[in-house]
Amino acid sequence: PNAKAKHLKQMAAALVERFEGEVPGDSEKLESLPGV
């Protein structure tokens, strides 16, 4: 849970910063997110 909580928060922050909070429909962009 601790590691996953860290990854979730980092992933969400990256989505907001790079993709305006929206999940991209692109493999390369998705895999650039922390924990993905």
PDB file of all heavy atoms in Angstrom:
ATOM      1  N   PRO A   1       0.799  -1.237   0.000  1.00  0.00           N
ATOM      2  CA  PRO A   1       0.000   0.000   0.000  1.00  0.00           C
ATOM      3  C   PRO A   1       0.827   1.281   0.000  1.00  0.00           C
ATOM      4  O   PRO A   1       0.452   2.259  -0.663  1.00  0.00           O
ATOM      5  CB  PRO A   1      -0.835  -0.122   1.273  1.00  0.00           C
ATOM      6  CG  PRO A   1      -0.063  -1.061   2.144  1.00  0.00           C
ATOM      7  CD  PRO A   1       0.570  -2.036   1.207  1.00  0.00           C
ATOM      8  N   ASN A   2       1.931   1.311   0.712  1.00  0.00           N
ATOM      9  CA  ASN A   2       2.725   2.536   0.779  1.00  0.00           C
ATOM     10  C   ASN A   2       3.355   2.871  -0.565  1.00  0.00           C
ATOM     11  O   ASN A   2       3.322   4.024  -1.013  1.00  0.00           O
ATOM     12  CB  ASN A   2       3.811   2.410   1.856  1.00  0.00           C
ATOM     13  CG  ASN A   2       3.238   2.361   3.254  1.00  0.00           C
ATOM     14  OD1 ASN A   2       2.192   2.951   3.526  1.00  0.00           O
ATOM     15  ND2 ASN A   2       3.911   1.658   4.153  1.00  0.00           N
ATOM     16  N   ALA A   3       3.924   1.854  -1.208  1.00  0.00           N
ATOM     17  CA  ALA A   3       4.534   2.073  -2.518  1.00  0.00           C
ATOM     18  C   ALA A   3       3.476   2.460  -3.551  1.00  0.00           C
ATOM     19  O   ALA A   3       3.687   3.365  -4.378  1.00  0.00           O
ATOM     20  CB  ALA A   3       5.277   0.822  -2.970  1.00  0.00           C
ATOM     21  N   LYS A   4       2.331   1.792  -3.503  1.00  0.00           N
ATOM     22  CA  LYS A   4       1.270   2.088  -4.468  1.00  0.00           C
ATOM     23  C   LYS A   4       0.676   3.470  -4.243  1.00  0.00           C
ATOM     24  O   LYS A   4       0.346   4.184  -5.202  1.00  0.00           O
ATOM     25  CB  LYS A   4       0.190   1.008  -4.417  1.00  0.00           C
ATOM     26  CG  LYS A   4       0.642  -0.318  -5.033  1.00  0.00           C
ATOM     27  CD  LYS A   4      -0.451  -1.372  -5.005  1.00  0.00           C
ATOM     28  CE  LYS A   4       0.022  -2.661  -5.669  1.00  0.00           C
ATOM     29  NZ  LYS A   4      -1.006  -3.720  -5.663  1.00  0.00           N
ATOM     30  N   ALA A   5       0.542   3.876  -2.977  1.00  0.00           N
ATOM     31  CA  ALA A   5       0.031   5.221  -2.688  1.00  0.00           C
ATOM     32  C   ALA A   5       0.976   6.269  -3.262  1.00  0.00           C
ATOM     33  O   ALA A   5       0.543   7.279  -3.835  1.00  0.00           O
ATOM     34  CB  ALA A   5      -0.138   5.408  -1.184  1.00  0.00           C
ATOM     35  N   LYS A   6       2.271   6.040  -3.103  1.00  0.00           N
ATOM     36  CA  LYS A   6       3.273   6.966  -3.648  1.00  0.00           C
ATOM     37  C   LYS A   6       3.171   7.056  -5.159  1.00  0.00           C
ATOM     38  O   LYS A   6       3.164   8.148  -5.735  1.00  0.00           O
ATOM     39  CB  LYS A   6       4.667   6.496  -3.244  1.00  0.00           C
ATOM     40  CG  LYS A   6       5.797   7.380  -3.759  1.00  0.00           C
ATOM     41  CD  LYS A   6       7.148   6.838  -3.319  1.00  0.00           C
ATOM     42  CE  LYS A   6       8.292   7.697  -3.868  1.00  0.00           C
ATOM     43  NZ  LYS A   6       9.619   7.148  -3.451  1.00  0.00           N
ATOM     44  N   HIS A   7       3.053   5.902  -5.819  1.00  0.00           N
ATOM     45  CA  HIS A   7       2.953   5.886  -7.280  1.00  0.00           C
ATOM     46  C   HIS A   7       1.657   6.553  -7.758  1.00  0.00           C
ATOM     47  O   HIS A   7       1.655   7.270  -8.762  1.00  0.00           O
ATOM     48  CB  HIS A   7       3.020   4.449  -7.798  1.00  0.00           C
ATOM     49  CG  HIS A   7       4.393   3.885  -7.798  1.00  0.00           C
ATOM     50  ND1 HIS A   7       4.650   2.536  -7.637  1.00  0.00           N
ATOM     51  CD2 HIS A   7       5.615   4.467  -7.925  1.00  0.00           C
ATOM     52  CE1 HIS A   7       5.947   2.321  -7.686  1.00  0.00           C
ATOM     53  NE2 HIS A   7       6.554   3.473  -7.853  1.00  0.00           N
ATOM     54  N   LEU A   8       0.557   6.301  -7.048  1.00  0.00           N
ATOM     55  CA  LEU A   8      -0.716   6.902  -7.450  1.00  0.00           C
ATOM     56  C   LEU A   8      -0.650   8.418  -7.385  1.00  0.00           C
ATOM     57  O   LEU A   8      -1.113   9.114  -8.297  1.00  0.00           O
ATOM     58  CB  LEU A   8      -1.847   6.387  -6.559  1.00  0.00           C
ATOM     59  CG  LEU A   8      -2.287   4.946  -6.752  1.00  0.00           C
ATOM     60  CD1 LEU A   8      -3.409   4.594  -5.772  1.00  0.00           C
ATOM     61  CD2 LEU A   8      -2.754   4.696  -8.179  1.00  0.00           C
ATOM     62  N   LYS A   9      -0.095   8.936  -6.310  1.00  0.00           N
ATOM     63  CA  LYS A   9      -0.002  10.389  -6.172  1.00  0.00           C
ATOM     64  C   LYS A   9       0.926  10.986  -7.228  1.00  0.00           C
ATOM     65  O   LYS A   9       0.615  12.015  -7.827  1.00  0.00           O
ATOM     66  CB  LYS A   9       0.488  10.747  -4.771  1.00  0.00           C
ATOM     67  CG  LYS A   9       0.429  12.239  -4.472  1.00  0.00           C
ATOM     68  CD  LYS A   9       0.645  12.537  -3.002  1.00  0.00           C
ATOM     69  CE  LYS A   9       0.544  14.043  -2.750  1.00  0.00           C
ATOM     70  NZ  LYS A   9       0.695  14.364  -1.306  1.00  0.00           N
ATOM     71  N   GLN A  10       2.046  10.336  -7.479  1.00  0.00           N
ATOM     72  CA  GLN A  10       2.975  10.804  -8.502  1.00  0.00           C
ATOM     73  C   GLN A  10       2.355  10.721  -9.894  1.00  0.00           C
ATOM     74  O   GLN A  10       2.524  11.626 -10.717  1.00  0.00           O
ATOM     75  CB  GLN A  10       4.265   9.991  -8.455  1.00  0.00           C
ATOM     76  CG  GLN A  10       5.116  10.230  -7.225  1.00  0.00           C
ATOM     77  CD  GLN A  10       6.322   9.305  -7.160  1.00  0.00           C
ATOM     78  OE1 GLN A  10       6.349   8.248  -7.799  1.00  0.00           O
ATOM     79  NE2 GLN A  10       7.328   9.701  -6.401  1.00  0.00           N
ATOM     80  N   MET A  11       1.639   9.636 -10.153  1.00  0.00           N
ATOM     81  CA  MET A  11       0.972   9.477 -11.448  1.00  0.00           C
ATOM     82  C   MET A  11      -0.062  10.565 -11.658  1.00  0.00           C
ATOM     83  O   MET A  11      -0.135  11.187 -12.725  1.00  0.00           O
ATOM     84  CB  MET A  11       0.318   8.093 -11.520  1.00  0.00           C
ATOM     85  CG  MET A  11      -0.491   7.820 -12.778  1.00  0.00           C
ATOM     86  SD  MET A  11      -2.209   8.431 -12.691  1.00  0.00           S
ATOM     87  CE  MET A  11      -2.901   7.360 -11.440  1.00  0.00           C
ATOM     88  N   ALA A  12      -0.878  10.827 -10.636  1.00  0.00           N
ATOM     89  CA  ALA A  12      -1.916  11.845 -10.742  1.00  0.00           C
ATOM     90  C   ALA A  12      -1.312  13.227 -10.971  1.00  0.00           C
ATOM     91  O   ALA A  12      -1.809  14.017 -11.786  1.00  0.00           O
ATOM     92  CB  ALA A  12      -2.779  11.838  -9.486  1.00  0.00           C
ATOM     93  N   ALA A  13      -0.229  13.519 -10.252  1.00  0.00           N
ATOM     94  CA  ALA A  13       0.445  14.814 -10.410  1.00  0.00           C
ATOM     95  C   ALA A  13       0.996  14.976 -11.824  1.00  0.00           C
ATOM     96  O   ALA A  13       0.909  16.057 -12.428  1.00  0.00           O
ATOM     97  CB  ALA A  13       1.559  14.957  -9.383  1.00  0.00           C
ATOM     98  N   ALA A  14       1.544  13.885 -12.372  1.00  0.00           N
ATOM     99  CA  ALA A  14       2.084  13.924 -13.736  1.00  0.00           C
ATOM    100  C   ALA A  14       0.968  14.124 -14.754  1.00  0.00           C
ATOM    101  O   ALA A  14       1.136  14.845 -15.747  1.00  0.00           O
ATOM    102  CB  ALA A  14       2.849  12.643 -14.033  1.00  0.00           C
ATOM    103  N   LEU A  15      -0.178  13.502 -14.518  1.00  0.00           N
ATOM    104  CA  LEU A  15      -1.324  13.693 -15.417  1.00  0.00           C
ATOM    105  C   LEU A  15      -1.750  15.153 -15.442  1.00  0.00           C
ATOM    106  O   LEU A  15      -2.037  15.722 -16.505  1.00  0.00           O
ATOM    107  CB  LEU A  15      -2.503  12.826 -14.970  1.00  0.00           C
ATOM    108  CG  LEU A  15      -2.556  11.374 -15.423  1.00  0.00           C
ATOM    109  CD1 LEU A  15      -3.823  10.700 -14.880  1.00  0.00           C
ATOM    110  CD2 LEU A  15      -2.521  11.269 -16.944  1.00  0.00           C
ATOM    111  N   VAL A  16      -1.814  15.754 -14.278  1.00  0.00           N
ATOM    112  CA  VAL A  16      -2.221  17.161 -14.190  1.00  0.00           C
ATOM    113  C   VAL A  16      -1.192  18.062 -14.870  1.00  0.00           C
ATOM    114  O   VAL A  16      -1.540  18.962 -15.638  1.00  0.00           O
ATOM    115  CB  VAL A  16      -2.402  17.577 -12.713  1.00  0.00           C
ATOM    116  CG1 VAL A  16      -2.649  19.082 -12.608  1.00  0.00           C
ATOM    117  CG2 VAL A  16      -3.555  16.811 -12.081  1.00  0.00           C
ATOM    118  N   GLU A  17       0.083  17.799 -14.591  1.00  0.00           N
ATOM    119  CA  GLU A  17       1.151  18.655 -15.108  1.00  0.00           C
ATOM    120  C   GLU A  17       1.334  18.527 -16.612  1.00  0.00           C
ATOM    121  O   GLU A  17       1.523  19.518 -17.314  1.00  0.00           O
ATOM    122  CB  GLU A  17       2.467  18.298 -14.405  1.00  0.00           C
ATOM    123  CG  GLU A  17       3.650  19.138 -14.859  1.00  0.00           C
ATOM    124  CD  GLU A  17       4.940  18.753 -14.158  1.00  0.00           C
ATOM    125  OE1 GLU A  17       4.866  18.009 -13.161  1.00  0.00           O
ATOM    126  OE2 GLU A  17       6.016  19.197 -14.605  1.00  0.00           O
ATOM    127  N   ARG A  18       1.246  17.284 -17.125  1.00  0.00           N
ATOM    128  CA  ARG A  18       1.576  17.068 -18.531  1.00  0.00           C
ATOM    129  C   ARG A  18       0.377  16.930 -19.456  1.00  0.00           C
ATOM    130  O   ARG A  18       0.464  17.234 -20.645  1.00  0.00           O
ATOM    131  CB  ARG A  18       2.422  15.790 -18.652  1.00  0.00           C
ATOM    132  CG  ARG A  18       3.793  15.890 -18.038  1.00  0.00           C
ATOM    133  CD  ARG A  18       4.584  14.638 -18.368  1.00  0.00           C
ATOM    134  NE  ARG A  18       5.070  13.980 -17.165  1.00  0.00           N
ATOM    135  CZ  ARG A  18       5.417  12.703 -17.106  1.00  0.00           C
ATOM    136  NH1 ARG A  18       5.292  11.952 -18.181  1.00  0.00           N
ATOM    137  NH2 ARG A  18       5.855  12.181 -15.986  1.00  0.00           N
ATOM    138  N   PHE A  19      -0.755  16.471 -18.905  1.00  0.00           N
ATOM    139  CA  PHE A  19      -1.895  16.153 -19.765  1.00  0.00           C
ATOM    140  C   PHE A  19      -3.210  16.775 -19.285  1.00  0.00           C
ATOM    141  O   PHE A  19      -4.285  16.274 -19.608  1.00  0.00           O
ATOM    142  CB  PHE A  19      -2.053  14.628 -19.869  1.00  0.00           C
ATOM    143  CG  PHE A  19      -0.804  13.918 -20.311  1.00  0.00           C
ATOM    144  CD1 PHE A  19      -0.127  13.070 -19.437  1.00  0.00           C
ATOM    145  CD2 PHE A  19      -0.284  14.119 -21.584  1.00  0.00           C
ATOM    146  CE1 PHE A  19       1.032  12.417 -19.825  1.00  0.00           C
ATOM    147  CE2 PHE A  19       0.880  13.473 -21.989  1.00  0.00           C
ATOM    148  CZ  PHE A  19       1.545  12.615 -21.110  1.00  0.00           C
ATOM    149  N   GLU A  20      -3.120  17.844 -18.522  1.00  0.00           N
ATOM    150  CA  GLU A  20      -4.295  18.565 -18.033  1.00  0.00           C
ATOM    151  C   GLU A  20      -5.263  17.660 -17.275  1.00  0.00           C
ATOM    152  O   GLU A  20      -6.473  17.852 -17.306  1.00  0.00           O
ATOM    153  CB  GLU A  20      -5.010  19.270 -19.192  1.00  0.00           C
ATOM    154  CG  GLU A  20      -4.132  20.300 -19.907  1.00  0.00           C
ATOM    155  CD  GLU A  20      -4.870  21.039 -21.008  1.00  0.00           C
ATOM    156  OE1 GLU A  20      -5.975  20.581 -21.392  1.00  0.00           O
ATOM    157  OE2 GLU A  20      -4.351  22.059 -21.485  1.00  0.00           O
ATOM    158  N   GLY A  21      -4.709  16.649 -16.627  1.00  0.00           N
ATOM    159  CA  GLY A  21      -5.523  15.771 -15.802  1.00  0.00           C
ATOM    160  C   GLY A  21      -6.233  14.667 -16.551  1.00  0.00           C
ATOM    161  O   GLY A  21      -6.954  13.865 -15.937  1.00  0.00           O
ATOM    162  N   GLU A  22      -6.035  14.588 -17.864  1.00  0.00           N
ATOM    163  CA  GLU A  22      -6.716  13.588 -18.684  1.00  0.00           C
ATOM    164  C   GLU A  22      -5.783  12.422 -19.007  1.00  0.00           C
ATOM    165  O   GLU A  22      -4.605  12.617 -19.306  1.00  0.00           O
ATOM    166  CB  GLU A  22      -7.217  14.221 -19.990  1.00  0.00           C
ATOM    167  CG  GLU A  22      -8.245  15.322 -19.790  1.00  0.00           C
ATOM    168  CD  GLU A  22      -9.518  14.829 -19.121  1.00  0.00           C
ATOM    169  OE1 GLU A  22      -9.956  13.700 -19.445  1.00  0.00           O
ATOM    170  OE2 GLU A  22     -10.062  15.548 -18.280  1.00  0.00           O
ATOM    171  N   VAL A  23      -6.316  11.207 -18.970  1.00  0.00           N
ATOM    172  CA  VAL A  23      -5.527  10.024 -19.301  1.00  0.00           C
ATOM    173  C   VAL A  23      -5.310   9.966 -20.809  1.00  0.00           C
ATOM    174  O   VAL A  23      -6.281   9.964 -21.574  1.00  0.00           O
ATOM    175  CB  VAL A  23      -6.235   8.735 -18.831  1.00  0.00           C
ATOM    176  CG1 VAL A  23      -5.465   7.497 -19.280  1.00  0.00           C
ATOM    177  CG2 VAL A  23      -6.393   8.747 -17.311  1.00  0.00           C
ATOM    178  N   PRO A  24      -4.067   9.931 -21.268  1.00  0.00           N
ATOM    179  CA  PRO A  24      -3.812   9.903 -22.716  1.00  0.00           C
ATOM    180  C   PRO A  24      -4.069   8.527 -23.315  1.00  0.00           C
ATOM    181  O   PRO A  24      -3.835   7.504 -22.670  1.00  0.00           O
ATOM    182  CB  PRO A  24      -2.320  10.261 -22.801  1.00  0.00           C
ATOM    183  CG  PRO A  24      -1.746   9.761 -21.507  1.00  0.00           C
ATOM    184  CD  PRO A  24      -2.827   9.973 -20.476  1.00  0.00           C
ATOM    185  N   GLY A  25      -4.547   8.493 -24.530  1.00  0.00           N
ATOM    186  CA  GLY A  25      -4.787   7.229 -25.218  1.00  0.00           C
ATOM    187  C   GLY A  25      -3.607   6.838 -26.072  1.00  0.00           C
ATOM    188  O   GLY A  25      -3.759   6.404 -27.226  1.00  0.00           O
ATOM    189  N   ASP A  26      -2.422   6.960 -25.523  1.00  0.00           N
ATOM    190  CA  ASP A  26      -1.178   6.706 -26.243  1.00  0.00           C
ATOM    191  C   ASP A  26      -0.238   5.903 -25.345  1.00  0.00           C
ATOM    192  O   ASP A  26      -0.007   6.282 -24.184  1.00  0.00           O
ATOM    193  CB  ASP A  26      -0.528   8.040 -26.636  1.00  0.00           C
ATOM    194  CG  ASP A  26       0.819   7.859 -27.299  1.00  0.00           C
ATOM    195  OD1 ASP A  26       0.858   7.671 -28.516  1.00  0.00           O
ATOM    196  OD2 ASP A  26       1.842   7.903 -26.577  1.00  0.00           O
ATOM    197  N   SER A  27       0.293   4.820 -25.857  1.00  0.00           N
ATOM    198  CA  SER A  27       1.106   3.915 -25.059  1.00  0.00           C
ATOM    199  C   SER A  27       2.348   4.590 -24.498  1.00  0.00           C
ATOM    200  O   SER A  27       2.663   4.468 -23.308  1.00  0.00           O
ATOM    201  CB  SER A  27       1.517   2.696 -25.893  1.00  0.00           C
ATOM    202  OG  SER A  27       2.284   1.803 -25.121  1.00  0.00           O
ATOM    203  N   GLU A  28       3.065   5.315 -25.326  1.00  0.00           N
ATOM    204  CA  GLU A  28       4.300   5.953 -24.879  1.00  0.00           C
ATOM    205  C   GLU A  28       4.023   6.970 -23.773  1.00  0.00           C
ATOM    206  O   GLU A  28       4.748   7.035 -22.774  1.00  0.00           O
ATOM    207  CB  GLU A  28       5.002   6.631 -26.055  1.00  0.00           C
ATOM    208  CG  GLU A  28       6.350   7.245 -25.695  1.00  0.00           C
ATOM    209  CD  GLU A  28       7.086   7.813 -26.895  1.00  0.00           C
ATOM    210  OE1 GLU A  28       6.656   7.566 -28.041  1.00  0.00           O
ATOM    211  OE2 GLU A  28       8.106   8.499 -26.681  1.00  0.00           O
ATOM    212  N   LYS A  29       2.968   7.743 -23.925  1.00  0.00           N
ATOM    213  CA  LYS A  29       2.626   8.740 -22.914  1.00  0.00           C
ATOM    214  C   LYS A  29       2.173   8.076 -21.621  1.00  0.00           C
ATOM    215  O   LYS A  29       2.543   8.509 -20.524  1.00  0.00           O
ATOM    216  CB  LYS A  29       1.538   9.674 -23.448  1.00  0.00           C
ATOM    217  CG  LYS A  29       2.008  10.588 -24.573  1.00  0.00           C
ATOM    218  CD  LYS A  29       0.873  11.441 -25.099  1.00  0.00           C
ATOM    219  CE  LYS A  29       1.354  12.351 -26.223  1.00  0.00           C
ATOM    220  NZ  LYS A  29       0.234  13.162 -26.798  1.00  0.00           N
ATOM    221  N   LEU A  30       1.376   7.016 -21.736  1.00  0.00           N
ATOM    222  CA  LEU A  30       0.925   6.311 -20.539  1.00  0.00           C
ATOM    223  C   LEU A  30       2.099   5.709 -19.783  1.00  0.00           C
ATOM    224  O   LEU A  30       2.190   5.822 -18.554  1.00  0.00           O
ATOM    225  CB  LEU A  30      -0.062   5.203 -20.921  1.00  0.00           C
ATOM    226  CG  LEU A  30      -1.530   5.591 -21.073  1.00  0.00           C
ATOM    227  CD1 LEU A  30      -2.328   4.431 -21.657  1.00  0.00           C
ATOM    228  CD2 LEU A  30      -2.116   6.011 -19.732  1.00  0.00           C
ATOM    229  N   GLU A  31       3.009   5.079 -20.500  1.00  0.00           N
ATOM    230  CA  GLU A  31       4.138   4.431 -19.850  1.00  0.00           C
ATOM    231  C   GLU A  31       5.156   5.418 -19.302  1.00  0.00           C
ATOM    232  O   GLU A  31       6.062   5.040 -18.553  1.00  0.00           O
ATOM    233  CB  GLU A  31       4.811   3.455 -20.815  1.00  0.00           C
ATOM    234  CG  GLU A  31       3.959   2.234 -21.135  1.00  0.00           C
ATOM    235  CD  GLU A  31       4.652   1.248 -22.053  1.00  0.00           C
ATOM    236  OE1 GLU A  31       5.750   0.782 -21.691  1.00  0.00           O
ATOM    237  OE2 GLU A  31       4.097   0.953 -23.138  1.00  0.00           O
ATOM    238  N   SER A  32       5.009   6.689 -19.657  1.00  0.00           N
ATOM    239  CA  SER A  32       5.890   7.716 -19.094  1.00  0.00           C
ATOM    240  C   SER A  32       5.434   8.139 -17.703  1.00  0.00           C
ATOM    241  O   SER A  32       6.173   8.821 -16.986  1.00  0.00           O
ATOM    242  CB  SER A  32       5.925   8.951 -20.010  1.00  0.00           C
ATOM    243  OG  SER A  32       4.715   9.710 -19.914  1.00  0.00           O
ATOM    244  N   LEU A  33       4.229   7.714 -17.296  1.00  0.00           N
ATOM    245  CA  LEU A  33       3.692   8.083 -15.997  1.00  0.00           C
ATOM    246  C   LEU A  33       4.302   7.210 -14.899  1.00  0.00           C
ATOM    247  O   LEU A  33       4.515   6.020 -15.107  1.00  0.00           O
ATOM    248  CB  LEU A  33       2.167   7.928 -15.990  1.00  0.00           C
ATOM    249  CG  LEU A  33       1.382   8.811 -16.958  1.00  0.00           C
ATOM    250  CD1 LEU A  33      -0.081   8.373 -17.002  1.00  0.00           C
ATOM    251  CD2 LEU A  33       1.493  10.276 -16.550  1.00  0.00           C
ATOM    252  N   PRO A  34       4.569   7.769 -13.726  1.00  0.00           N
ATOM    253  CA  PRO A  34       5.124   6.982 -12.619  1.00  0.00           C
ATOM    254  C   PRO A  34       4.235   5.793 -12.265  1.00  0.00           C
ATOM    255  O   PRO A  34       3.020   5.929 -12.144  1.00  0.00           O
ATOM    256  CB  PRO A  34       5.166   7.991 -11.458  1.00  0.00           C
ATOM    257  CG  PRO A  34       5.259   9.324 -12.119  1.00  0.00           C
ATOM    258  CD  PRO A  34       4.427   9.198 -13.368  1.00  0.00           C
ATOM    259  N   GLY A  35       4.839   4.631 -12.138  1.00  0.00           N
ATOM    260  CA  GLY A  35       4.101   3.441 -11.726  1.00  0.00           C
ATOM    261  C   GLY A  35       3.305   2.754 -12.813  1.00  0.00           C
ATOM    262  O   GLY A  35       2.606   1.776 -12.545  1.00  0.00           O
ATOM    263  N   VAL A  36       3.390   3.247 -14.051  1.00  0.00           N
ATOM    264  CA  VAL A  36       2.616   2.666 -15.157  1.00  0.00           C
ATOM    265  C   VAL A  36       3.544   1.908 -16.100  1.00  0.00           C
ATOM    266  O   VAL A  36       4.377   2.502 -16.787  1.00  0.00           O
ATOM    267  CB  VAL A  36       1.846   3.746 -15.938  1.00  0.00           C
ATOM    268  CG1 VAL A  36       1.077   3.117 -17.108  1.00  0.00           C
ATOM    269  CG2 VAL A  36       0.899   4.500 -15.017  1.00  0.00           C
TER     270      VAL A  36
END
